[in-house]
Amino acid sequence: MLKLTVNSLKDFQTCERLYDYRYNDENHDSEKIYSRDLITIKFENTLKTILSYFWYKKQGGVTPSYSSLLNRWEKLWFPKDTDSYDIMTEQHESAYGNVASLTSKAASVLLTMYEEYSDAEIIPMNISDEYIATPNKKCNITDVYDIMYWKDGSIYVIKYFFNYKSKNSYMYQLDFSTMWMGFSNRYPEKLPNAKFGYIDLLSTDVTFQEYVVTNEDINAVRYWCEQIVEKEVFVPRRGLTPYCKKCPYDDPCSKWTGWK
C-alpha cells in the first residue's frame, strides 16, 4: 500500500516530477532548505508545541497562565547559552525575521489564544493526534489533528494555519477532506456531531472557522490518489507553473530525459 501525507499529495498536484524527487528518488542529494524557511518552520512548530502543552494542561483540569506559556516559549526558542548581548546583536543581523523579533509575534499569538480559550468551557479530546485517511484500497494518507475538543454538544476538529487566505480556500481542500475521512474511519458514530475547520494563529480572530466538506472535496482526494497510485512515469511541468522559479530540483529537472 502506498503511504502518503497531505504534503506529499500536494506536491504531486504541484508537479509529478517534484513528488518523485522528494519521495521516491534516493539518488538525489537532500533538498536544501534556506535559513528563512528554517526559522519559519521552527517558529510555527514551537508555537504548536506550546499550544499542545496548553491543551494538555487544560485537559487535566488546570489552565496554565499566560506567563507560563511565555516562559515555555523562551526555553524552547532561545538556546540555553543565549544571553542579552546575543539577542541585541542578532536583532540587527537579519532583515527577514530573527529569533528576537519573532518572539514578539509569538507573545501576541499566545496572548490572543489565551484570552480566547483560557476560560472557555471546552473539553479537549485529542491533541496533536495523527489520523489515517483511506481514500481507496491502494493507499492511505496520514496527517495530524492539531486539536479536537468538545463544546456545546459538538466536536470541533481543528487544524492550525498561519495567515489563512479565504480566497485560496481551494488550496486547503486536501487538508479538510482527509481530516473528514480520517475522522469518519475512527469515529463513524460521532460524524453527525463533528465540525471541521481551522484556527488562523496569525489572525486577530482565533475563533474556530468552519470548513464544510462536500462530496466534491472527497471525490477530489480520491481522484488524486488514483492518479498517483497508477502513475508510472512522473513527468515534469518545467516552466509551466510559478513553482518552477523556486523549485529546489530545477537543475536535475532540466536534465530529465525520461519521456520514453
C-alpha atoms as a PDB file:
ATOM      1  CA  MET A   1       0.000   0.000   0.000  1.00  0.00           C
ATOM      2  CA  LEU A   2       1.290   3.449  -0.929  1.00  0.00           C
ATOM      3  CA  LYS A   3       1.715   5.664   2.129  1.00  0.00           C
ATOM      4  CA  LEU A   4       1.090   9.348   1.532  1.00  0.00           C
ATOM      5  CA  THR A   5       0.862  12.535   3.544  1.00  0.00           C
ATOM      6  CA  VAL A   6      -1.183  15.627   2.815  1.00  0.00           C
ATOM      7  CA  ASN A   7       2.032  17.454   1.881  1.00  0.00           C
ATOM      8  CA  SER A   8       3.235  14.719  -0.466  1.00  0.00           C
ATOM      9  CA  LEU A   9      -0.126  14.688  -2.243  1.00  0.00           C
ATOM     10  CA  LYS A  10       0.017  18.481  -2.581  1.00  0.00           C
ATOM     11  CA  ASP A  11       3.498  18.149  -4.068  1.00  0.00           C
ATOM     12  CA  PHE A  12       2.118  15.701  -6.619  1.00  0.00           C
ATOM     13  CA  GLN A  13      -0.601  18.213  -7.509  1.00  0.00           C
ATOM     14  CA  THR A  14       2.067  20.867  -7.998  1.00  0.00           C
ATOM     15  CA  CYS A  15       4.325  18.675 -10.147  1.00  0.00           C
ATOM     16  CA  GLU A  16       4.702  14.931 -10.600  1.00  0.00           C
ATOM     17  CA  ARG A  17       8.460  15.337 -11.031  1.00  0.00           C
ATOM     18  CA  LEU A  18       8.746  17.273  -7.766  1.00  0.00           C
ATOM     19  CA  TYR A  19       6.889  14.497  -5.940  1.00  0.00           C
ATOM     20  CA  ASP A  20       9.127  11.822  -7.439  1.00  0.00           C
ATOM     21  CA  TYR A  21      12.324  13.648  -6.482  1.00  0.00           C
ATOM     22  CA  ARG A  22      11.166  14.232  -2.908  1.00  0.00           C
ATOM     23  CA  TYR A  23       9.639  10.886  -2.055  1.00  0.00           C
ATOM     24  CA  ASN A  24      10.865   8.231  -4.500  1.00  0.00           C
ATOM     25  CA  ASP A  25      14.301   9.139  -5.803  1.00  0.00           C
ATOM     26  CA  GLU A  26      17.086   8.084  -3.424  1.00  0.00           C
ATOM     27  CA  ASN A  27      19.866   9.091  -5.836  1.00  0.00           C
ATOM     28  CA  HIS A  28      19.474  12.824  -5.410  1.00  0.00           C
ATOM     29  CA  ASP A  29      21.060  14.843  -2.614  1.00  0.00           C
ATOM     30  CA  SER A  30      18.965  16.060   0.262  1.00  0.00           C
ATOM     31  CA  GLU A  31      16.918  19.129  -0.547  1.00  0.00           C
ATOM     32  CA  LYS A  32      18.482  22.400   0.538  1.00  0.00           C
ATOM     33  CA  ILE A  33      16.349  24.410   2.951  1.00  0.00           C
ATOM     34  CA  TYR A  34      17.115  28.119   3.213  1.00  0.00           C
ATOM     35  CA  SER A  35      17.579  29.829   6.566  1.00  0.00           C
ATOM     36  CA  ARG A  36      14.436  31.957   6.223  1.00  0.00           C
ATOM     37  CA  ASP A  37      12.381  28.803   5.646  1.00  0.00           C
ATOM     38  CA  LEU A  38      14.044  27.045   8.584  1.00  0.00           C
ATOM     39  CA  ILE A  39      13.241  29.840  11.008  1.00  0.00           C
ATOM     40  CA  THR A  40       9.635  29.934   9.792  1.00  0.00           C
ATOM     41  CA  ILE A  41       9.281  26.172  10.290  1.00  0.00           C
ATOM     42  CA  LYS A  42      10.828  26.432  13.761  1.00  0.00           C
ATOM     43  CA  PHE A  43       8.553  29.346  14.666  1.00  0.00           C
ATOM     44  CA  GLU A  44       5.383  27.510  13.658  1.00  0.00           C
ATOM     45  CA  ASN A  45       6.408  24.195  15.251  1.00  0.00           C
ATOM     46  CA  THR A  46       7.378  25.884  18.523  1.00  0.00           C
ATOM     47  CA  LEU A  47       4.018  27.633  18.741  1.00  0.00           C
ATOM     48  CA  LYS A  48       2.209  24.355  18.076  1.00  0.00           C
ATOM     49  CA  THR A  49       4.245  22.642  20.805  1.00  0.00           C
ATOM     50  CA  ILE A  50       3.321  25.303  23.368  1.00  0.00           C
ATOM     51  CA  LEU A  51      -0.341  25.195  22.403  1.00  0.00           C
ATOM     52  CA  SER A  52      -0.310  21.416  22.806  1.00  0.00           C
ATOM     53  CA  TYR A  53       1.072  21.981  26.310  1.00  0.00           C
ATOM     54  CA  PHE A  54      -1.769  24.459  26.953  1.00  0.00           C
ATOM     55  CA  TRP A  55      -4.419  21.960  25.859  1.00  0.00           C
ATOM     56  CA  TYR A  56      -2.863  19.056  27.777  1.00  0.00           C
ATOM     57  CA  LYS A  57      -2.893  21.111  30.985  1.00  0.00           C
ATOM     58  CA  LYS A  58      -6.462  22.203  30.320  1.00  0.00           C
ATOM     59  CA  GLN A  59      -7.406  18.576  29.682  1.00  0.00           C
ATOM     60  CA  GLY A  60      -6.074  17.780  33.149  1.00  0.00           C
ATOM     61  CA  GLY A  61      -8.253  20.462  34.714  1.00  0.00           C
ATOM     62  CA  VAL A  62      -5.584  23.151  35.173  1.00  0.00           C
ATOM     63  CA  THR A  63      -5.393  26.090  32.786  1.00  0.00           C
ATOM     64  CA  PRO A  64      -1.794  27.364  32.594  1.00  0.00           C
ATOM     65  CA  SER A  65      -1.156  31.081  32.981  1.00  0.00           C
ATOM     66  CA  TYR A  66      -0.095  33.318  30.142  1.00  0.00           C
ATOM     67  CA  SER A  67       3.275  33.902  31.814  1.00  0.00           C
ATOM     68  CA  SER A  68       3.888  30.145  31.915  1.00  0.00           C
ATOM     69  CA  LEU A  69       3.276  29.979  28.152  1.00  0.00           C
ATOM     70  CA  LEU A  70       5.813  32.773  27.606  1.00  0.00           C
ATOM     71  CA  ASN A  71       8.340  31.040  29.832  1.00  0.00           C
ATOM     72  CA  ARG A  72       7.902  27.870  27.860  1.00  0.00           C
ATOM     73  CA  TRP A  73       8.437  29.800  24.621  1.00  0.00           C
ATOM     74  CA  GLU A  74      11.727  31.253  25.860  1.00  0.00           C
ATOM     75  CA  LYS A  75      13.002  27.845  26.926  1.00  0.00           C
ATOM     76  CA  LEU A  76      12.190  26.273  23.578  1.00  0.00           C
ATOM     77  CA  TRP A  77      13.037  29.206  21.325  1.00  0.00           C
ATOM     78  CA  PHE A  78      16.301  30.550  22.710  1.00  0.00           C
ATOM     79  CA  PRO A  79      19.379  28.286  23.027  1.00  0.00           C
ATOM     80  CA  LYS A  80      20.482  27.637  26.614  1.00  0.00           C
ATOM     81  CA  ASP A  81      23.670  29.683  26.283  1.00  0.00           C
ATOM     82  CA  THR A  82      21.960  32.763  24.766  1.00  0.00           C
ATOM     83  CA  ASP A  83      22.471  35.998  26.717  1.00  0.00           C
ATOM     84  CA  SER A  84      21.082  39.514  26.307  1.00  0.00           C
ATOM     85  CA  TYR A  85      24.065  40.619  24.210  1.00  0.00           C
ATOM     86  CA  ASP A  86      23.459  37.790  21.725  1.00  0.00           C
ATOM     87  CA  ILE A  87      19.818  38.809  21.385  1.00  0.00           C
ATOM     88  CA  MET A  88      20.619  42.505  20.824  1.00  0.00           C
ATOM     89  CA  THR A  89      23.281  41.633  18.241  1.00  0.00           C
ATOM     90  CA  GLU A  90      21.064  39.172  16.419  1.00  0.00           C
ATOM     91  CA  GLN A  91      18.303  41.773  16.057  1.00  0.00           C
ATOM     92  CA  HIS A  92      20.462  43.703  13.605  1.00  0.00           C
ATOM     93  CA  GLU A  93      21.672  40.761  11.548  1.00  0.00           C
ATOM     94  CA  SER A  94      18.564  39.763   9.628  1.00  0.00           C
ATOM     95  CA  ALA A  95      16.142  41.828   7.611  1.00  0.00           C
ATOM     96  CA  TYR A  96      13.744  38.911   7.256  1.00  0.00           C
ATOM     97  CA  GLY A  97      12.948  37.801  10.762  1.00  0.00           C
ATOM     98  CA  ASN A  98      15.061  36.712  13.685  1.00  0.00           C
ATOM     99  CA  VAL A  99      14.668  34.825  16.917  1.00  0.00           C
ATOM    100  CA  ALA A 100      14.191  38.035  18.886  1.00  0.00           C
ATOM    101  CA  SER A 101      11.643  39.763  16.643  1.00  0.00           C
ATOM    102  CA  LEU A 102       9.630  36.572  16.222  1.00  0.00           C
ATOM    103  CA  THR A 103       9.349  36.350  19.997  1.00  0.00           C
ATOM    104  CA  SER A 104       7.197  39.491  19.950  1.00  0.00           C
ATOM    105  CA  LYS A 105       4.954  37.900  17.345  1.00  0.00           C
ATOM    106  CA  ALA A 106       4.757  34.667  19.356  1.00  0.00           C
ATOM    107  CA  ALA A 107       3.846  36.601  22.524  1.00  0.00           C
ATOM    108  CA  SER A 108       0.963  38.230  20.636  1.00  0.00           C
ATOM    109  CA  VAL A 109      -0.271  34.867  19.284  1.00  0.00           C
ATOM    110  CA  LEU A 110      -0.117  33.214  22.700  1.00  0.00           C
ATOM    111  CA  LEU A 111      -1.915  36.126  24.373  1.00  0.00           C
ATOM    112  CA  THR A 112      -4.718  36.059  21.799  1.00  0.00           C
ATOM    113  CA  MET A 113      -5.145  32.300  22.189  1.00  0.00           C
ATOM    114  CA  TYR A 114      -5.003  32.535  25.979  1.00  0.00           C
ATOM    115  CA  GLU A 115      -7.672  35.245  26.122  1.00  0.00           C
ATOM    116  CA  GLU A 116      -9.942  33.279  23.789  1.00  0.00           C
ATOM    117  CA  TYR A 117      -9.626  29.800  25.305  1.00  0.00           C
ATOM    118  CA  SER A 118      -8.397  30.004  28.907  1.00  0.00           C
ATOM    119  CA  ASP A 119     -11.882  30.383  30.401  1.00  0.00           C
ATOM    120  CA  ALA A 120     -13.810  28.689  27.626  1.00  0.00           C
ATOM    121  CA  GLU A 121     -15.951  25.688  28.558  1.00  0.00           C
ATOM    122  CA  ILE A 122     -14.060  23.343  26.315  1.00  0.00           C
ATOM    123  CA  ILE A 123     -13.163  19.695  26.865  1.00  0.00           C
ATOM    124  CA  PRO A 124     -10.021  18.766  24.871  1.00  0.00           C
ATOM    125  CA  MET A 125     -10.319  15.277  23.397  1.00  0.00           C
ATOM    126  CA  ASN A 126      -7.349  14.667  21.081  1.00  0.00           C
ATOM    127  CA  ILE A 127      -4.234  16.839  20.978  1.00  0.00           C
ATOM    128  CA  SER A 128      -1.733  16.713  18.112  1.00  0.00           C
ATOM    129  CA  ASP A 129      -3.190  13.347  17.177  1.00  0.00           C
ATOM    130  CA  GLU A 130      -2.293  11.504  13.977  1.00  0.00           C
ATOM    131  CA  TYR A 131      -5.063  10.212  11.752  1.00  0.00           C
ATOM    132  CA  ILE A 132      -5.189   7.924   8.722  1.00  0.00           C
ATOM    133  CA  ALA A 133      -7.462   8.527   5.741  1.00  0.00           C
ATOM    134  CA  THR A 134      -8.082   5.658   3.303  1.00  0.00           C
ATOM    135  CA  PRO A 135      -9.454   7.025   0.022  1.00  0.00           C
ATOM    136  CA  ASN A 136      -9.011   3.639  -1.683  1.00  0.00           C
ATOM    137  CA  LYS A 137      -7.564   0.175  -1.068  1.00  0.00           C
ATOM    138  CA  LYS A 138      -4.187   1.017  -2.591  1.00  0.00           C
ATOM    139  CA  CYS A 139      -3.082   3.976  -0.484  1.00  0.00           C
ATOM    140  CA  ASN A 140      -3.593   5.849   2.751  1.00  0.00           C
ATOM    141  CA  ILE A 141      -2.907   9.410   3.853  1.00  0.00           C
ATOM    142  CA  THR A 142      -1.621  10.435   7.269  1.00  0.00           C
ATOM    143  CA  ASP A 143      -1.718  13.841   8.913  1.00  0.00           C
ATOM    144  CA  VAL A 144      -2.440  15.359  12.322  1.00  0.00           C
ATOM    145  CA  TYR A 145      -5.412  16.917  14.084  1.00  0.00           C
ATOM    146  CA  ASP A 146      -3.838  19.830  15.951  1.00  0.00           C
ATOM    147  CA  ILE A 147      -6.690  19.919  18.456  1.00  0.00           C
ATOM    148  CA  MET A 148     -10.051  18.208  18.785  1.00  0.00           C
ATOM    149  CA  TYR A 149     -12.394  19.398  21.511  1.00  0.00           C
ATOM    150  CA  TRP A 150     -15.971  19.045  22.732  1.00  0.00           C
ATOM    151  CA  LYS A 151     -18.208  22.060  23.292  1.00  0.00           C
ATOM    152  CA  ASP A 152     -21.988  22.518  23.486  1.00  0.00           C
ATOM    153  CA  GLY A 153     -22.769  19.085  22.072  1.00  0.00           C
ATOM    154  CA  SER A 154     -20.426  19.357  19.087  1.00  0.00           C
ATOM    155  CA  ILE A 155     -16.962  18.012  18.340  1.00  0.00           C
ATOM    156  CA  TYR A 156     -14.596  20.554  16.781  1.00  0.00           C
ATOM    157  CA  VAL A 157     -11.862  19.014  14.636  1.00  0.00           C
ATOM    158  CA  ILE A 158      -9.211  21.659  14.031  1.00  0.00           C
ATOM    159  CA  LYS A 159      -6.019  22.326  12.124  1.00  0.00           C
ATOM    160  CA  TYR A 160      -3.797  25.324  12.803  1.00  0.00           C
ATOM    161  CA  PHE A 161      -2.926  27.610   9.935  1.00  0.00           C
ATOM    162  CA  PHE A 162      -0.686  30.641   9.705  1.00  0.00           C
ATOM    163  CA  ASN A 163      -2.147  33.519   7.683  1.00  0.00           C
ATOM    164  CA  TYR A 164      -5.039  31.623   6.100  1.00  0.00           C
ATOM    165  CA  LYS A 165      -6.313  33.225   2.890  1.00  0.00           C
ATOM    166  CA  SER A 166     -10.006  32.603   2.259  1.00  0.00           C
ATOM    167  CA  LYS A 167      -9.588  33.444  -1.423  1.00  0.00           C
ATOM    168  CA  ASN A 168      -7.195  30.482  -1.631  1.00  0.00           C
ATOM    169  CA  SER A 169      -9.514  28.066   0.180  1.00  0.00           C
ATOM    170  CA  TYR A 170      -9.133  25.576  -2.672  1.00  0.00           C
ATOM    171  CA  MET A 171      -5.518  25.081  -1.566  1.00  0.00           C
ATOM    172  CA  TYR A 172      -6.756  23.530   1.686  1.00  0.00           C
ATOM    173  CA  GLN A 173      -9.208  21.096   0.119  1.00  0.00           C
ATOM    174  CA  LEU A 174      -6.912  18.137   0.816  1.00  0.00           C
ATOM    175  CA  ASP A 175      -6.379  19.167   4.447  1.00  0.00           C
ATOM    176  CA  PHE A 176     -10.051  19.204   5.362  1.00  0.00           C
ATOM    177  CA  SER A 177     -11.122  16.312   3.159  1.00  0.00           C
ATOM    178  CA  THR A 178      -8.552  13.974   4.672  1.00  0.00           C
ATOM    179  CA  MET A 179      -9.466  15.226   8.158  1.00  0.00           C
ATOM    180  CA  TRP A 180     -13.066  14.258   7.430  1.00  0.00           C
ATOM    181  CA  MET A 181     -12.077  10.856   6.041  1.00  0.00           C
ATOM    182  CA  GLY A 182      -9.772  10.114   8.959  1.00  0.00           C
ATOM    183  CA  PHE A 183     -12.447  11.071  11.479  1.00  0.00           C
ATOM    184  CA  SER A 184     -15.108   9.015   9.720  1.00  0.00           C
ATOM    185  CA  ASN A 185     -12.799   5.988   9.817  1.00  0.00           C
ATOM    186  CA  ARG A 186     -12.228   6.223  13.553  1.00  0.00           C
ATOM    187  CA  TYR A 187     -15.450   7.764  14.854  1.00  0.00           C
ATOM    188  CA  PRO A 188     -18.231   6.994  12.353  1.00  0.00           C
ATOM    189  CA  GLU A 189     -20.909   7.204  15.050  1.00  0.00           C
ATOM    190  CA  LYS A 190     -19.757  10.726  16.022  1.00  0.00           C
ATOM    191  CA  LEU A 191     -19.632  12.140  12.492  1.00  0.00           C
ATOM    192  CA  PRO A 192     -23.079  13.857  12.674  1.00  0.00           C
ATOM    193  CA  ASN A 193     -21.854  15.953  15.621  1.00  0.00           C
ATOM    194  CA  ALA A 194     -18.465  16.871  14.139  1.00  0.00           C
ATOM    195  CA  LYS A 195     -17.412  20.206  12.688  1.00  0.00           C
ATOM    196  CA  PHE A 196     -14.206  20.571  10.702  1.00  0.00           C
ATOM    197  CA  GLY A 197     -12.234  23.758  10.388  1.00  0.00           C
ATOM    198  CA  TYR A 198      -9.223  25.790  11.370  1.00  0.00           C
ATOM    199  CA  ILE A 199      -7.766  28.398  13.677  1.00  0.00           C
ATOM    200  CA  ASP A 200      -5.592  31.005  11.988  1.00  0.00           C
ATOM    201  CA  LEU A 201      -2.908  31.677  14.590  1.00  0.00           C
ATOM    202  CA  LEU A 202      -1.680  34.858  12.888  1.00  0.00           C
ATOM    203  CA  SER A 203      -5.137  36.401  12.765  1.00  0.00           C
ATOM    204  CA  THR A 204      -6.608  38.715  15.398  1.00  0.00           C
ATOM    205  CA  ASP A 205      -9.630  36.409  15.323  1.00  0.00           C
ATOM    206  CA  VAL A 206      -8.564  32.978  16.608  1.00  0.00           C
ATOM    207  CA  THR A 207     -12.066  31.565  16.939  1.00  0.00           C
ATOM    208  CA  PHE A 208     -12.961  28.345  15.136  1.00  0.00           C
ATOM    209  CA  GLN A 209     -13.675  28.829  11.436  1.00  0.00           C
ATOM    210  CA  GLU A 210     -15.683  26.023   9.863  1.00  0.00           C
ATOM    211  CA  TYR A 211     -14.917  24.447   6.501  1.00  0.00           C
ATOM    212  CA  VAL A 212     -17.864  22.463   5.175  1.00  0.00           C
ATOM    213  CA  VAL A 213     -16.537  19.327   3.462  1.00  0.00           C
ATOM    214  CA  THR A 214     -18.552  18.443   0.346  1.00  0.00           C
ATOM    215  CA  ASN A 215     -18.809  15.310  -1.785  1.00  0.00           C
ATOM    216  CA  GLU A 216     -16.781  17.159  -4.419  1.00  0.00           C
ATOM    217  CA  ASP A 217     -13.962  17.598  -1.908  1.00  0.00           C
ATOM    218  CA  ILE A 218     -13.955  13.883  -1.113  1.00  0.00           C
ATOM    219  CA  ASN A 219     -14.094  12.933  -4.782  1.00  0.00           C
ATOM    220  CA  ALA A 220     -11.142  15.232  -5.495  1.00  0.00           C
ATOM    221  CA  VAL A 221      -9.000  13.412  -2.925  1.00  0.00           C
ATOM    222  CA  ARG A 222      -9.957  10.054  -4.381  1.00  0.00           C
ATOM    223  CA  TYR A 223      -9.145  11.272  -7.879  1.00  0.00           C
ATOM    224  CA  TRP A 224      -5.666  12.483  -6.971  1.00  0.00           C
ATOM    225  CA  CYS A 225      -4.947   9.300  -5.042  1.00  0.00           C
ATOM    226  CA  GLU A 226      -5.944   7.173  -8.025  1.00  0.00           C
ATOM    227  CA  GLN A 227      -3.699   9.290 -10.234  1.00  0.00           C
ATOM    228  CA  ILE A 228      -0.660   8.887  -8.012  1.00  0.00           C
ATOM    229  CA  VAL A 229      -1.172   5.154  -7.462  1.00  0.00           C
ATOM    230  CA  GLU A 230      -1.471   4.421 -11.167  1.00  0.00           C
ATOM    231  CA  LYS A 231       1.350   6.735 -12.229  1.00  0.00           C
ATOM    232  CA  GLU A 232       4.352   5.007 -13.791  1.00  0.00           C
ATOM    233  CA  VAL A 233       6.263   7.959 -15.256  1.00  0.00           C
ATOM    234  CA  PHE A 234       6.426  11.189 -13.258  1.00  0.00           C
ATOM    235  CA  VAL A 235       6.843  13.867 -15.908  1.00  0.00           C
ATOM    236  CA  PRO A 236       7.990  17.460 -15.211  1.00  0.00           C
ATOM    237  CA  ARG A 237       5.943  20.615 -15.690  1.00  0.00           C
ATOM    238  CA  ARG A 238       9.066  22.641 -16.229  1.00  0.00           C
ATOM    239  CA  GLY A 239       8.256  26.286 -16.947  1.00  0.00           C
ATOM    240  CA  LEU A 240       4.517  25.715 -16.745  1.00  0.00           C
ATOM    241  CA  THR A 241       3.883  26.602 -13.095  1.00  0.00           C
ATOM    242  CA  PRO A 242       5.025  29.515 -10.883  1.00  0.00           C
ATOM    243  CA  TYR A 243       6.615  26.997  -8.505  1.00  0.00           C
ATOM    244  CA  CYS A 244       9.355  26.292 -11.056  1.00  0.00           C
ATOM    245  CA  LYS A 245      11.049  29.596 -10.221  1.00  0.00           C
ATOM    246  CA  LYS A 246      11.864  28.412  -6.702  1.00  0.00           C
ATOM    247  CA  CYS A 247      11.979  24.651  -7.181  1.00  0.00           C
ATOM    248  CA  PRO A 248      14.971  23.071  -5.396  1.00  0.00           C
ATOM    249  CA  TYR A 249      15.170  20.405  -8.104  1.00  0.00           C
ATOM    250  CA  ASP A 250      15.431  22.786 -11.040  1.00  0.00           C
ATOM    251  CA  ASP A 251      18.862  21.519 -12.090  1.00  0.00           C
ATOM    252  CA  PRO A 252      18.102  17.766 -12.251  1.00  0.00           C
ATOM    253  CA  CYS A 253      14.702  18.578 -13.766  1.00  0.00           C
ATOM    254  CA  SER A 254      16.417  20.479 -16.610  1.00  0.00           C
ATOM    255  CA  LYS A 255      18.375  17.312 -17.435  1.00  0.00           C
ATOM    256  CA  TRP A 256      15.493  14.849 -17.153  1.00  0.00           C
ATOM    257  CA  THR A 257      15.153  12.536 -20.155  1.00  0.00           C
ATOM    258  CA  GLY A 258      12.551  10.017 -19.077  1.00  0.00           C
ATOM    259  CA  TRP A 259       9.898  10.703 -21.701  1.00  0.00           C
ATOM    260  CA  LYS A 260      10.303   7.285 -23.329  1.00  0.00           C
END
